[in-house]
Amino acid sequence: MRLTRSAFRFSPTEVRHILIGVILVSGVGLSFFAPRVFSNWLAIAAAVFFFTAGFITHELTHKAMAQRYGMWAEFRLDMFGAALTLLSAVSPLKIIAPGAVVIAGNTTPDRVGRTAAAGPTVNILIASLLLGLAEVLHPIGLLEAMLAGAAINAFMALFNLIPFGVFDGLKVFRWNKQVWLLLLALAALITGLSYMSL
């Protein structure tokens, strides 16, 4: 499909929704990482950053891909999902679902599938980069944070690739089963390697 040249556009409503989503996800990240055995608060802050960056990059990659196809695309909070995410910050069960990028316009199965695949793909790339840098550089004070960031980003990809309901996985599966299987295998492999390294 031919891509179009278009500016990366944000509406004031979308900016507000993104900021609220980032705050909610950061709260979950802090509640997840703070109780764990990290060497210092810098490592905890870095882990929360990688966690939150994975979420926002996932959503913005969906948006960028959809807009390049000439479709309307904006992040919108989901009140039920936002409430679950807020609850996750104070409970042992962690659910990250404050909202999603909504697309409209000249959609086709190909465009929808490629747009859906973009989010998990960027999480796999982030996870691979963090895992590789952690293994090669062994950064003092940040090793745990980088490994945790890799594990969370890989798991985000794996979770989103479930071929069911509103998940990215169902859209990718319907578009191209080989691409879906490849992304799923990569996400599962990197998730396993990351958690084993922690």
N, C-alpha and C. Protein backbone atom coordinates (compact mmCIF):
# COMPACT_ATOMS: atom_id res chain seq x y z
N MET A 1 0.85 -1.19 0.00
CA MET A 1 0.00 0.00 0.00
C MET A 1 0.89 1.25 0.00
N ARG A 2 0.46 2.25 -0.73
CA ARG A 2 1.26 3.48 -0.83
C ARG A 2 1.09 4.32 0.43
N LEU A 3 2.23 4.76 0.97
CA LEU A 3 2.21 5.62 2.13
C LEU A 3 2.07 7.07 1.68
N THR A 4 1.47 7.87 2.53
CA THR A 4 1.32 9.29 2.21
C THR A 4 2.21 10.11 3.12
N ARG A 5 2.60 11.27 2.65
CA ARG A 5 3.38 12.18 3.48
C ARG A 5 2.42 13.07 4.26
N SER A 6 2.42 12.90 5.56
CA SER A 6 1.53 13.73 6.38
C SER A 6 2.21 14.03 7.70
N ALA A 7 1.89 15.17 8.26
CA ALA A 7 2.49 15.58 9.52
C ALA A 7 1.96 14.71 10.65
N PHE A 8 2.79 14.56 11.68
CA PHE A 8 2.39 13.82 12.88
C PHE A 8 1.53 14.76 13.70
N ARG A 9 0.21 14.57 13.68
CA ARG A 9 -0.72 15.53 14.25
C ARG A 9 -1.29 15.05 15.58
N PHE A 10 -1.48 16.01 16.51
CA PHE A 10 -2.10 15.74 17.80
C PHE A 10 -3.17 16.79 18.07
N SER A 11 -4.31 16.35 18.55
CA SER A 11 -5.34 17.30 18.97
C SER A 11 -5.16 17.59 20.45
N PRO A 12 -5.68 18.72 20.96
CA PRO A 12 -5.58 19.01 22.40
C PRO A 12 -6.19 17.90 23.26
N THR A 13 -7.31 17.33 22.80
CA THR A 13 -7.94 16.23 23.54
C THR A 13 -7.01 15.04 23.62
N GLU A 14 -6.37 14.72 22.52
CA GLU A 14 -5.46 13.58 22.51
C GLU A 14 -4.28 13.80 23.44
N VAL A 15 -3.72 15.00 23.44
CA VAL A 15 -2.59 15.30 24.32
C VAL A 15 -2.98 15.08 25.79
N ARG A 16 -4.18 15.55 26.15
CA ARG A 16 -4.65 15.34 27.52
C ARG A 16 -4.78 13.85 27.84
N HIS A 17 -5.34 13.11 26.92
CA HIS A 17 -5.54 11.67 27.14
C HIS A 17 -4.20 10.94 27.24
N ILE A 18 -3.24 11.33 26.40
CA ILE A 18 -1.91 10.71 26.46
C ILE A 18 -1.25 11.00 27.80
N LEU A 19 -1.31 12.25 28.26
CA LEU A 19 -0.68 12.61 29.54
C LEU A 19 -1.30 11.82 30.70
N ILE A 20 -2.62 11.69 30.70
CA ILE A 20 -3.29 10.92 31.75
C ILE A 20 -2.85 9.46 31.67
N GLY A 21 -2.79 8.92 30.44
CA GLY A 21 -2.35 7.54 30.25
C GLY A 21 -0.94 7.31 30.75
N VAL A 22 -0.05 8.25 30.46
CA VAL A 22 1.35 8.14 30.92
C VAL A 22 1.42 8.16 32.44
N ILE A 23 0.65 9.04 33.08
CA ILE A 23 0.63 9.11 34.54
C ILE A 23 0.16 7.79 35.14
N LEU A 24 -0.92 7.24 34.57
CA LEU A 24 -1.46 5.98 35.08
C LEU A 24 -0.46 4.84 34.91
N VAL A 25 0.15 4.76 33.74
CA VAL A 25 1.10 3.69 33.48
C VAL A 25 2.35 3.85 34.34
N SER A 26 2.80 5.09 34.54
CA SER A 26 3.95 5.34 35.41
C SER A 26 3.66 4.88 36.84
N GLY A 27 2.43 5.11 37.30
CA GLY A 27 2.05 4.66 38.64
C GLY A 27 2.11 3.15 38.77
N VAL A 28 1.65 2.45 37.74
CA VAL A 28 1.73 0.99 37.76
C VAL A 28 3.19 0.55 37.74
N GLY A 29 4.00 1.20 36.90
CA GLY A 29 5.41 0.85 36.84
C GLY A 29 6.11 1.05 38.17
N LEU A 30 5.82 2.16 38.84
CA LEU A 30 6.44 2.43 40.14
C LEU A 30 6.01 1.39 41.16
N SER A 31 4.72 1.03 41.16
CA SER A 31 4.23 0.03 42.12
C SER A 31 4.80 -1.35 41.82
N PHE A 32 5.13 -1.60 40.56
CA PHE A 32 5.68 -2.89 40.18
C PHE A 32 7.16 -3.00 40.55
N PHE A 33 7.92 -1.95 40.26
CA PHE A 33 9.36 -2.03 40.43
C PHE A 33 9.86 -1.66 41.82
N ALA A 34 9.19 -0.70 42.49
CA ALA A 34 9.69 -0.23 43.78
C ALA A 34 9.86 -1.35 44.82
N PRO A 35 8.90 -2.30 44.94
CA PRO A 35 9.07 -3.34 45.95
C PRO A 35 10.14 -4.37 45.60
N ARG A 36 10.57 -4.41 44.34
CA ARG A 36 11.55 -5.41 43.92
C ARG A 36 12.95 -5.05 44.45
N VAL A 37 13.84 -6.01 44.35
CA VAL A 37 15.19 -5.79 44.84
C VAL A 37 16.01 -5.09 43.76
N PHE A 38 16.05 -3.76 43.83
CA PHE A 38 16.87 -2.96 42.93
C PHE A 38 17.98 -2.32 43.76
N SER A 39 19.08 -2.04 43.08
CA SER A 39 20.25 -1.55 43.81
C SER A 39 20.06 -0.15 44.35
N ASN A 40 19.26 0.70 43.68
CA ASN A 40 19.08 2.07 44.13
C ASN A 40 17.85 2.69 43.47
N TRP A 41 17.50 3.91 43.93
CA TRP A 41 16.32 4.57 43.39
C TRP A 41 16.51 5.00 41.95
N LEU A 42 17.77 5.23 41.55
CA LEU A 42 18.04 5.55 40.15
C LEU A 42 17.64 4.38 39.26
N ALA A 43 17.95 3.16 39.70
CA ALA A 43 17.59 1.98 38.93
C ALA A 43 16.07 1.83 38.85
N ILE A 44 15.38 2.13 39.93
CA ILE A 44 13.91 2.05 39.93
C ILE A 44 13.34 3.08 38.97
N ALA A 45 13.87 4.32 39.03
CA ALA A 45 13.39 5.38 38.13
C ALA A 45 13.63 5.00 36.67
N ALA A 46 14.79 4.42 36.39
CA ALA A 46 15.11 4.01 35.02
C ALA A 46 14.18 2.90 34.55
N ALA A 47 13.89 1.93 35.44
CA ALA A 47 12.99 0.84 35.08
C ALA A 47 11.60 1.36 34.78
N VAL A 48 11.12 2.29 35.60
CA VAL A 48 9.80 2.90 35.36
C VAL A 48 9.79 3.65 34.04
N PHE A 49 10.89 4.34 33.74
CA PHE A 49 10.99 5.06 32.46
C PHE A 49 10.89 4.09 31.29
N PHE A 50 11.65 2.98 31.33
CA PHE A 50 11.61 2.00 30.23
C PHE A 50 10.21 1.39 30.10
N PHE A 51 9.58 1.17 31.22
CA PHE A 51 8.23 0.61 31.27
C PHE A 51 7.23 1.57 30.61
N THR A 52 7.26 2.84 31.03
CA THR A 52 6.35 3.84 30.50
C THR A 52 6.66 4.17 29.04
N ALA A 53 7.95 4.26 28.72
CA ALA A 53 8.35 4.54 27.33
C ALA A 53 7.87 3.44 26.40
N GLY A 54 7.87 2.20 26.88
CA GLY A 54 7.38 1.09 26.06
C GLY A 54 5.92 1.26 25.72
N PHE A 55 5.13 1.69 26.70
CA PHE A 55 3.70 1.90 26.47
C PHE A 55 3.46 3.03 25.48
N ILE A 56 4.06 4.19 25.73
CA ILE A 56 3.77 5.35 24.89
C ILE A 56 4.33 5.16 23.48
N THR A 57 5.49 4.52 23.35
CA THR A 57 6.06 4.27 22.03
C THR A 57 5.19 3.30 21.25
N HIS A 58 4.66 2.30 21.92
CA HIS A 58 3.74 1.35 21.30
C HIS A 58 2.55 2.08 20.69
N GLU A 59 1.92 2.94 21.48
CA GLU A 59 0.73 3.64 21.01
C GLU A 59 1.05 4.65 19.90
N LEU A 60 2.14 5.39 20.06
CA LEU A 60 2.48 6.39 19.06
C LEU A 60 2.93 5.77 17.74
N THR A 61 3.48 4.56 17.80
CA THR A 61 3.85 3.87 16.57
C THR A 61 2.60 3.46 15.80
N HIS A 62 1.57 2.99 16.51
CA HIS A 62 0.28 2.74 15.86
C HIS A 62 -0.21 4.00 15.16
N LYS A 63 -0.16 5.10 15.88
CA LYS A 63 -0.66 6.38 15.35
C LYS A 63 0.13 6.81 14.12
N ALA A 64 1.45 6.74 14.21
CA ALA A 64 2.29 7.17 13.09
C ALA A 64 2.02 6.34 11.84
N MET A 65 1.89 5.04 12.01
CA MET A 65 1.65 4.17 10.87
C MET A 65 0.29 4.47 10.24
N ALA A 66 -0.75 4.62 11.06
CA ALA A 66 -2.08 4.91 10.54
C ALA A 66 -2.11 6.25 9.80
N GLN A 67 -1.47 7.26 10.38
CA GLN A 67 -1.46 8.58 9.74
C GLN A 67 -0.68 8.55 8.43
N ARG A 68 0.35 7.76 8.35
CA ARG A 68 1.10 7.65 7.10
C ARG A 68 0.27 7.00 6.00
N TYR A 69 -0.69 6.19 6.40
CA TYR A 69 -1.63 5.61 5.43
C TYR A 69 -2.78 6.57 5.12
N GLY A 70 -2.74 7.76 5.70
CA GLY A 70 -3.78 8.75 5.43
C GLY A 70 -5.02 8.59 6.27
N MET A 71 -4.95 7.75 7.31
CA MET A 71 -6.11 7.53 8.17
C MET A 71 -6.09 8.49 9.36
N TRP A 72 -7.24 8.76 9.91
CA TRP A 72 -7.33 9.51 11.15
C TRP A 72 -6.96 8.57 12.29
N ALA A 73 -6.12 9.03 13.19
CA ALA A 73 -5.68 8.17 14.30
C ALA A 73 -5.37 9.02 15.52
N GLU A 74 -6.03 8.73 16.63
CA GLU A 74 -5.77 9.45 17.88
C GLU A 74 -5.89 8.50 19.07
N PHE A 75 -5.06 8.75 20.07
CA PHE A 75 -5.14 7.99 21.31
C PHE A 75 -6.34 8.48 22.11
N ARG A 76 -7.11 7.54 22.63
CA ARG A 76 -8.25 7.87 23.47
C ARG A 76 -8.25 7.00 24.72
N LEU A 77 -8.50 7.64 25.86
CA LEU A 77 -8.65 6.89 27.10
C LEU A 77 -9.92 6.05 27.03
N ASP A 78 -9.86 4.91 27.67
CA ASP A 78 -11.04 4.08 27.89
C ASP A 78 -11.31 4.11 29.39
N MET A 79 -12.48 4.58 29.79
CA MET A 79 -12.74 4.81 31.21
C MET A 79 -12.61 3.52 32.03
N PHE A 80 -13.13 2.41 31.50
CA PHE A 80 -13.03 1.14 32.22
C PHE A 80 -11.57 0.70 32.31
N GLY A 81 -10.86 0.78 31.17
CA GLY A 81 -9.46 0.39 31.16
C GLY A 81 -8.60 1.30 32.03
N ALA A 82 -8.90 2.60 32.02
CA ALA A 82 -8.16 3.54 32.87
C ALA A 82 -8.38 3.23 34.34
N ALA A 83 -9.62 2.87 34.70
CA ALA A 83 -9.93 2.51 36.09
C ALA A 83 -9.17 1.25 36.50
N LEU A 84 -9.11 0.26 35.60
CA LEU A 84 -8.36 -0.97 35.89
C LEU A 84 -6.87 -0.68 36.06
N THR A 85 -6.35 0.21 35.21
CA THR A 85 -4.94 0.58 35.29
C THR A 85 -4.65 1.29 36.61
N LEU A 86 -5.54 2.19 37.02
CA LEU A 86 -5.39 2.89 38.30
C LEU A 86 -5.43 1.89 39.45
N LEU A 87 -6.36 0.95 39.39
CA LEU A 87 -6.46 -0.08 40.43
C LEU A 87 -5.20 -0.93 40.50
N SER A 88 -4.57 -1.15 39.32
CA SER A 88 -3.35 -1.95 39.27
C SER A 88 -2.21 -1.33 40.06
N ALA A 89 -2.24 0.00 40.18
CA ALA A 89 -1.16 0.68 40.91
C ALA A 89 -1.17 0.35 42.39
N VAL A 90 -2.30 -0.14 42.90
CA VAL A 90 -2.41 -0.44 44.33
C VAL A 90 -2.79 -1.89 44.59
N SER A 91 -2.67 -2.74 43.56
CA SER A 91 -3.02 -4.15 43.74
C SER A 91 -1.92 -5.02 43.15
N PRO A 92 -1.86 -6.29 43.55
CA PRO A 92 -0.82 -7.19 43.02
C PRO A 92 -0.99 -7.50 41.54
N LEU A 93 -2.24 -7.50 41.04
CA LEU A 93 -2.50 -7.78 39.64
C LEU A 93 -2.26 -6.53 38.80
N LYS A 94 -1.41 -6.64 37.79
CA LYS A 94 -1.04 -5.49 36.97
C LYS A 94 -1.70 -5.56 35.60
N ILE A 95 -2.53 -4.59 35.30
CA ILE A 95 -3.20 -4.49 34.01
C ILE A 95 -2.91 -3.11 33.42
N ILE A 96 -2.38 -3.09 32.21
CA ILE A 96 -2.04 -1.83 31.55
C ILE A 96 -2.98 -1.67 30.36
N ALA A 97 -4.05 -0.94 30.55
CA ALA A 97 -5.03 -0.76 29.47
C ALA A 97 -5.76 0.57 29.60
N PRO A 98 -5.03 1.70 29.72
CA PRO A 98 -5.73 2.97 29.91
C PRO A 98 -6.46 3.47 28.68
N GLY A 99 -6.10 2.96 27.52
CA GLY A 99 -6.73 3.41 26.28
C GLY A 99 -6.03 2.81 25.09
N ALA A 100 -6.36 3.32 23.92
CA ALA A 100 -5.77 2.79 22.69
C ALA A 100 -5.88 3.83 21.59
N VAL A 101 -5.11 3.62 20.53
CA VAL A 101 -5.21 4.48 19.36
C VAL A 101 -6.41 4.03 18.53
N VAL A 102 -7.31 4.95 18.28
CA VAL A 102 -8.50 4.69 17.47
C VAL A 102 -8.22 5.19 16.06
N ILE A 103 -8.54 4.36 15.07
CA ILE A 103 -8.31 4.76 13.69
C ILE A 103 -9.62 4.79 12.91
N ALA A 104 -9.67 5.62 11.88
CA ALA A 104 -10.85 5.72 11.03
C ALA A 104 -10.41 6.25 9.68
N GLY A 105 -11.29 6.11 8.71
CA GLY A 105 -10.98 6.60 7.38
C GLY A 105 -10.93 5.48 6.38
N ASN A 106 -10.01 5.58 5.45
CA ASN A 106 -9.92 4.60 4.36
C ASN A 106 -9.14 3.37 4.82
N THR A 107 -9.78 2.57 5.67
CA THR A 107 -9.13 1.38 6.22
C THR A 107 -9.30 0.20 5.28
N THR A 108 -8.30 -0.66 5.29
CA THR A 108 -8.35 -1.94 4.58
C THR A 108 -7.75 -2.98 5.53
N PRO A 109 -8.01 -4.28 5.32
CA PRO A 109 -7.38 -5.29 6.17
C PRO A 109 -5.86 -5.18 6.21
N ASP A 110 -5.27 -4.83 5.06
CA ASP A 110 -3.82 -4.69 4.99
C ASP A 110 -3.34 -3.53 5.86
N ARG A 111 -3.98 -2.38 5.73
CA ARG A 111 -3.59 -1.20 6.51
C ARG A 111 -3.82 -1.42 8.00
N VAL A 112 -4.95 -2.02 8.34
CA VAL A 112 -5.25 -2.29 9.75
C VAL A 112 -4.24 -3.27 10.33
N GLY A 113 -3.90 -4.31 9.57
CA GLY A 113 -2.94 -5.31 10.04
C GLY A 113 -1.55 -4.73 10.24
N ARG A 114 -1.10 -3.93 9.28
CA ARG A 114 0.22 -3.31 9.40
C ARG A 114 0.27 -2.32 10.56
N THR A 115 -0.80 -1.57 10.72
CA THR A 115 -0.88 -0.60 11.83
C THR A 115 -0.85 -1.33 13.16
N ALA A 116 -1.59 -2.44 13.25
CA ALA A 116 -1.62 -3.22 14.50
C ALA A 116 -0.26 -3.84 14.80
N ALA A 117 0.44 -4.31 13.76
CA ALA A 117 1.73 -4.96 13.95
C ALA A 117 2.81 -3.98 14.40
N ALA A 118 2.64 -2.70 14.09
CA ALA A 118 3.67 -1.71 14.40
C ALA A 118 3.94 -1.59 15.90
N GLY A 119 2.89 -1.65 16.73
CA GLY A 119 3.06 -1.50 18.18
C GLY A 119 3.91 -2.60 18.79
N PRO A 120 3.50 -3.88 18.65
CA PRO A 120 4.32 -4.96 19.19
C PRO A 120 5.73 -5.00 18.61
N THR A 121 5.86 -4.64 17.33
CA THR A 121 7.18 -4.65 16.70
C THR A 121 8.13 -3.69 17.40
N VAL A 122 7.66 -2.49 17.72
CA VAL A 122 8.54 -1.51 18.38
C VAL A 122 8.89 -1.97 19.79
N ASN A 123 7.97 -2.66 20.49
CA ASN A 123 8.29 -3.19 21.81
C ASN A 123 9.35 -4.29 21.72
N ILE A 124 9.26 -5.12 20.68
CA ILE A 124 10.28 -6.16 20.47
C ILE A 124 11.64 -5.53 20.20
N LEU A 125 11.67 -4.47 19.41
CA LEU A 125 12.94 -3.78 19.12
C LEU A 125 13.53 -3.14 20.37
N ILE A 126 12.67 -2.47 21.18
CA ILE A 126 13.15 -1.86 22.43
C ILE A 126 13.70 -2.93 23.36
N ALA A 127 12.95 -4.03 23.50
CA ALA A 127 13.39 -5.11 24.39
C ALA A 127 14.71 -5.70 23.93
N SER A 128 14.85 -5.91 22.63
CA SER A 128 16.08 -6.48 22.09
C SER A 128 17.27 -5.54 22.33
N LEU A 129 17.05 -4.24 22.12
CA LEU A 129 18.11 -3.26 22.33
C LEU A 129 18.54 -3.22 23.79
N LEU A 130 17.57 -3.16 24.70
CA LEU A 130 17.89 -3.11 26.13
C LEU A 130 18.59 -4.38 26.59
N LEU A 131 18.10 -5.53 26.14
CA LEU A 131 18.72 -6.80 26.53
C LEU A 131 20.13 -6.90 25.99
N GLY A 132 20.32 -6.51 24.74
CA GLY A 132 21.65 -6.56 24.15
C GLY A 132 22.63 -5.63 24.84
N LEU A 133 22.21 -4.38 25.10
CA LEU A 133 23.08 -3.42 25.78
C LEU A 133 23.40 -3.86 27.19
N ALA A 134 22.42 -4.43 27.88
CA ALA A 134 22.64 -4.90 29.25
C ALA A 134 23.67 -6.02 29.28
N GLU A 135 23.57 -6.93 28.32
CA GLU A 135 24.49 -8.08 28.29
C GLU A 135 25.90 -7.66 27.89
N VAL A 136 26.00 -6.67 27.00
CA VAL A 136 27.32 -6.26 26.50
C VAL A 136 28.01 -5.27 27.43
N LEU A 137 27.24 -4.27 27.91
CA LEU A 137 27.84 -3.18 28.68
C LEU A 137 27.86 -3.44 30.18
N HIS A 138 26.93 -4.24 30.70
CA HIS A 138 26.79 -4.45 32.14
C HIS A 138 26.84 -3.14 32.91
N PRO A 139 25.95 -2.18 32.58
CA PRO A 139 26.03 -0.85 33.20
C PRO A 139 25.86 -0.91 34.72
N ILE A 140 26.79 -0.32 35.42
CA ILE A 140 26.76 -0.33 36.89
C ILE A 140 25.56 0.47 37.37
N GLY A 141 24.75 -0.13 38.21
CA GLY A 141 23.60 0.55 38.80
C GLY A 141 22.36 0.52 37.94
N LEU A 142 22.52 0.24 36.63
CA LEU A 142 21.36 0.25 35.74
C LEU A 142 21.12 -1.10 35.07
N LEU A 143 21.94 -2.11 35.39
CA LEU A 143 21.79 -3.41 34.76
C LEU A 143 20.40 -3.99 35.02
N GLU A 144 19.97 -3.96 36.28
CA GLU A 144 18.66 -4.52 36.63
C GLU A 144 17.54 -3.77 35.92
N ALA A 145 17.68 -2.44 35.86
CA ALA A 145 16.65 -1.62 35.22
C ALA A 145 16.54 -1.95 33.73
N MET A 146 17.67 -2.12 33.06
CA MET A 146 17.65 -2.42 31.64
C MET A 146 17.07 -3.79 31.37
N LEU A 147 17.41 -4.76 32.22
CA LEU A 147 16.85 -6.11 32.07
C LEU A 147 15.35 -6.10 32.33
N ALA A 148 14.94 -5.34 33.37
CA ALA A 148 13.51 -5.23 33.67
C ALA A 148 12.77 -4.54 32.52
N GLY A 149 13.37 -3.48 31.96
CA GLY A 149 12.76 -2.80 30.83
C GLY A 149 12.62 -3.71 29.63
N ALA A 150 13.64 -4.54 29.39
CA ALA A 150 13.58 -5.50 28.29
C ALA A 150 12.46 -6.51 28.52
N ALA A 151 12.37 -7.01 29.74
CA ALA A 151 11.35 -8.02 30.06
C ALA A 151 9.94 -7.46 29.91
N ILE A 152 9.73 -6.24 30.40
CA ILE A 152 8.40 -5.64 30.33
C ILE A 152 8.01 -5.33 28.89
N ASN A 153 8.93 -4.79 28.11
CA ASN A 153 8.62 -4.47 26.71
C ASN A 153 8.34 -5.74 25.90
N ALA A 154 9.11 -6.77 26.13
CA ALA A 154 8.87 -8.03 25.43
C ALA A 154 7.51 -8.61 25.82
N PHE A 155 7.18 -8.52 27.12
CA PHE A 155 5.89 -9.04 27.57
C PHE A 155 4.74 -8.21 27.01
N MET A 156 4.93 -6.88 26.90
CA MET A 156 3.90 -6.03 26.29
C MET A 156 3.59 -6.52 24.87
N ALA A 157 4.64 -6.81 24.12
CA ALA A 157 4.46 -7.31 22.76
C ALA A 157 3.74 -8.64 22.76
N LEU A 158 4.18 -9.55 23.62
CA LEU A 158 3.58 -10.88 23.70
C LEU A 158 2.11 -10.80 24.07
N PHE A 159 1.79 -10.00 25.07
CA PHE A 159 0.41 -9.86 25.53
C PHE A 159 -0.47 -9.26 24.44
N ASN A 160 0.04 -8.24 23.75
CA ASN A 160 -0.74 -7.57 22.72
C ASN A 160 -0.93 -8.43 21.48
N LEU A 161 -0.13 -9.46 21.32
CA LEU A 161 -0.24 -10.34 20.16
C LEU A 161 -1.23 -11.48 20.36
N ILE A 162 -1.92 -11.50 21.49
CA ILE A 162 -2.99 -12.49 21.69
C ILE A 162 -4.03 -12.28 20.58
N PRO A 163 -4.34 -13.31 19.81
CA PRO A 163 -5.28 -13.14 18.68
C PRO A 163 -6.73 -13.23 19.13
N PHE A 164 -7.14 -12.24 19.90
CA PHE A 164 -8.49 -12.28 20.49
C PHE A 164 -9.00 -10.87 20.72
N GLY A 165 -10.29 -10.67 20.54
CA GLY A 165 -10.95 -9.42 20.90
C GLY A 165 -10.33 -8.18 20.26
N VAL A 166 -10.03 -7.18 21.09
CA VAL A 166 -9.51 -5.90 20.59
C VAL A 166 -7.99 -5.88 20.53
N PHE A 167 -7.34 -6.98 20.88
CA PHE A 167 -5.88 -7.01 20.88
C PHE A 167 -5.32 -6.86 19.47
N ASP A 168 -4.09 -6.33 19.40
CA ASP A 168 -3.41 -6.19 18.12
C ASP A 168 -3.27 -7.54 17.42
N GLY A 169 -3.08 -8.58 18.20
CA GLY A 169 -2.84 -9.91 17.65
C GLY A 169 -3.91 -10.38 16.69
N LEU A 170 -5.17 -10.12 16.99
CA LEU A 170 -6.25 -10.58 16.12
C LEU A 170 -6.20 -9.87 14.77
N LYS A 171 -5.90 -8.57 14.79
CA LYS A 171 -5.82 -7.81 13.53
C LYS A 171 -4.64 -8.29 12.69
N VAL A 172 -3.50 -8.56 13.35
CA VAL A 172 -2.32 -9.04 12.63
C VAL A 172 -2.58 -10.45 12.09
N PHE A 173 -3.19 -11.30 12.89
CA PHE A 173 -3.49 -12.68 12.51
C PHE A 173 -4.39 -12.71 11.28
N ARG A 174 -5.41 -11.85 11.25
CA ARG A 174 -6.33 -11.81 10.11
C ARG A 174 -5.64 -11.29 8.85
N TRP A 175 -4.66 -10.38 9.05
CA TRP A 175 -3.96 -9.80 7.91
C TRP A 175 -2.92 -10.76 7.34
N ASN A 176 -2.03 -11.28 8.23
CA ASN A 176 -0.92 -12.11 7.76
C ASN A 176 -0.50 -13.06 8.88
N LYS A 177 -0.87 -14.31 8.76
CA LYS A 177 -0.60 -15.29 9.82
C LYS A 177 0.89 -15.55 10.00
N GLN A 178 1.67 -15.45 8.91
CA GLN A 178 3.11 -15.67 9.03
C GLN A 178 3.77 -14.54 9.83
N VAL A 179 3.37 -13.29 9.57
CA VAL A 179 3.91 -12.16 10.32
C VAL A 179 3.52 -12.28 11.78
N TRP A 180 2.26 -12.65 12.03
CA TRP A 180 1.80 -12.81 13.42
C TRP A 180 2.63 -13.87 14.14
N LEU A 181 2.86 -15.01 13.49
CA LEU A 181 3.62 -16.10 14.12
C LEU A 181 5.06 -15.69 14.38
N LEU A 182 5.66 -14.96 13.43
CA LEU A 182 7.04 -14.49 13.62
C LEU A 182 7.14 -13.53 14.80
N LEU A 183 6.24 -12.55 14.86
CA LEU A 183 6.26 -11.59 15.97
C LEU A 183 6.01 -12.29 17.29
N LEU A 184 5.06 -13.23 17.31
CA LEU A 184 4.75 -13.96 18.54
C LEU A 184 5.96 -14.76 19.03
N ALA A 185 6.64 -15.44 18.10
CA ALA A 185 7.82 -16.24 18.46
C ALA A 185 8.94 -15.35 19.00
N LEU A 186 9.18 -14.20 18.33
CA LEU A 186 10.22 -13.28 18.80
C LEU A 186 9.88 -12.73 20.18
N ALA A 187 8.63 -12.33 20.37
CA ALA A 187 8.21 -11.77 21.66
C ALA A 187 8.35 -12.81 22.77
N ALA A 188 7.96 -14.05 22.49
CA ALA A 188 8.06 -15.12 23.50
C ALA A 188 9.53 -15.41 23.83
N LEU A 189 10.37 -15.47 22.80
CA LEU A 189 11.80 -15.74 23.01
C LEU A 189 12.46 -14.66 23.85
N ILE A 190 12.22 -13.39 23.49
CA ILE A 190 12.87 -12.29 24.20
C ILE A 190 12.30 -12.14 25.60
N THR A 191 11.00 -12.42 25.78
CA THR A 191 10.42 -12.41 27.12
C THR A 191 11.11 -13.43 27.99
N GLY A 192 11.27 -14.64 27.48
CA GLY A 192 11.92 -15.69 28.25
C GLY A 192 13.37 -15.36 28.59
N LEU A 193 14.13 -14.88 27.61
CA LEU A 193 15.54 -14.54 27.84
C LEU A 193 15.66 -13.40 28.86
N SER A 194 14.78 -12.42 28.75
CA SER A 194 14.84 -11.25 29.65
C SER A 194 14.56 -11.65 31.09
N TYR A 195 13.50 -12.43 31.29
CA TYR A 195 13.14 -12.82 32.66
C TYR A 195 14.17 -13.77 33.26
N MET A 196 14.78 -14.61 32.44
CA MET A 196 15.83 -15.49 32.95
C MET A 196 17.08 -14.71 33.37
N SER A 197 17.29 -13.55 32.71
CA SER A 197 18.48 -12.74 33.02
C SER A 197 18.29 -11.89 34.27
N LEU A 198 17.05 -11.66 34.68
CA LEU A 198 16.79 -10.80 35.85
C LEU A 198 17.28 -11.47 37.14
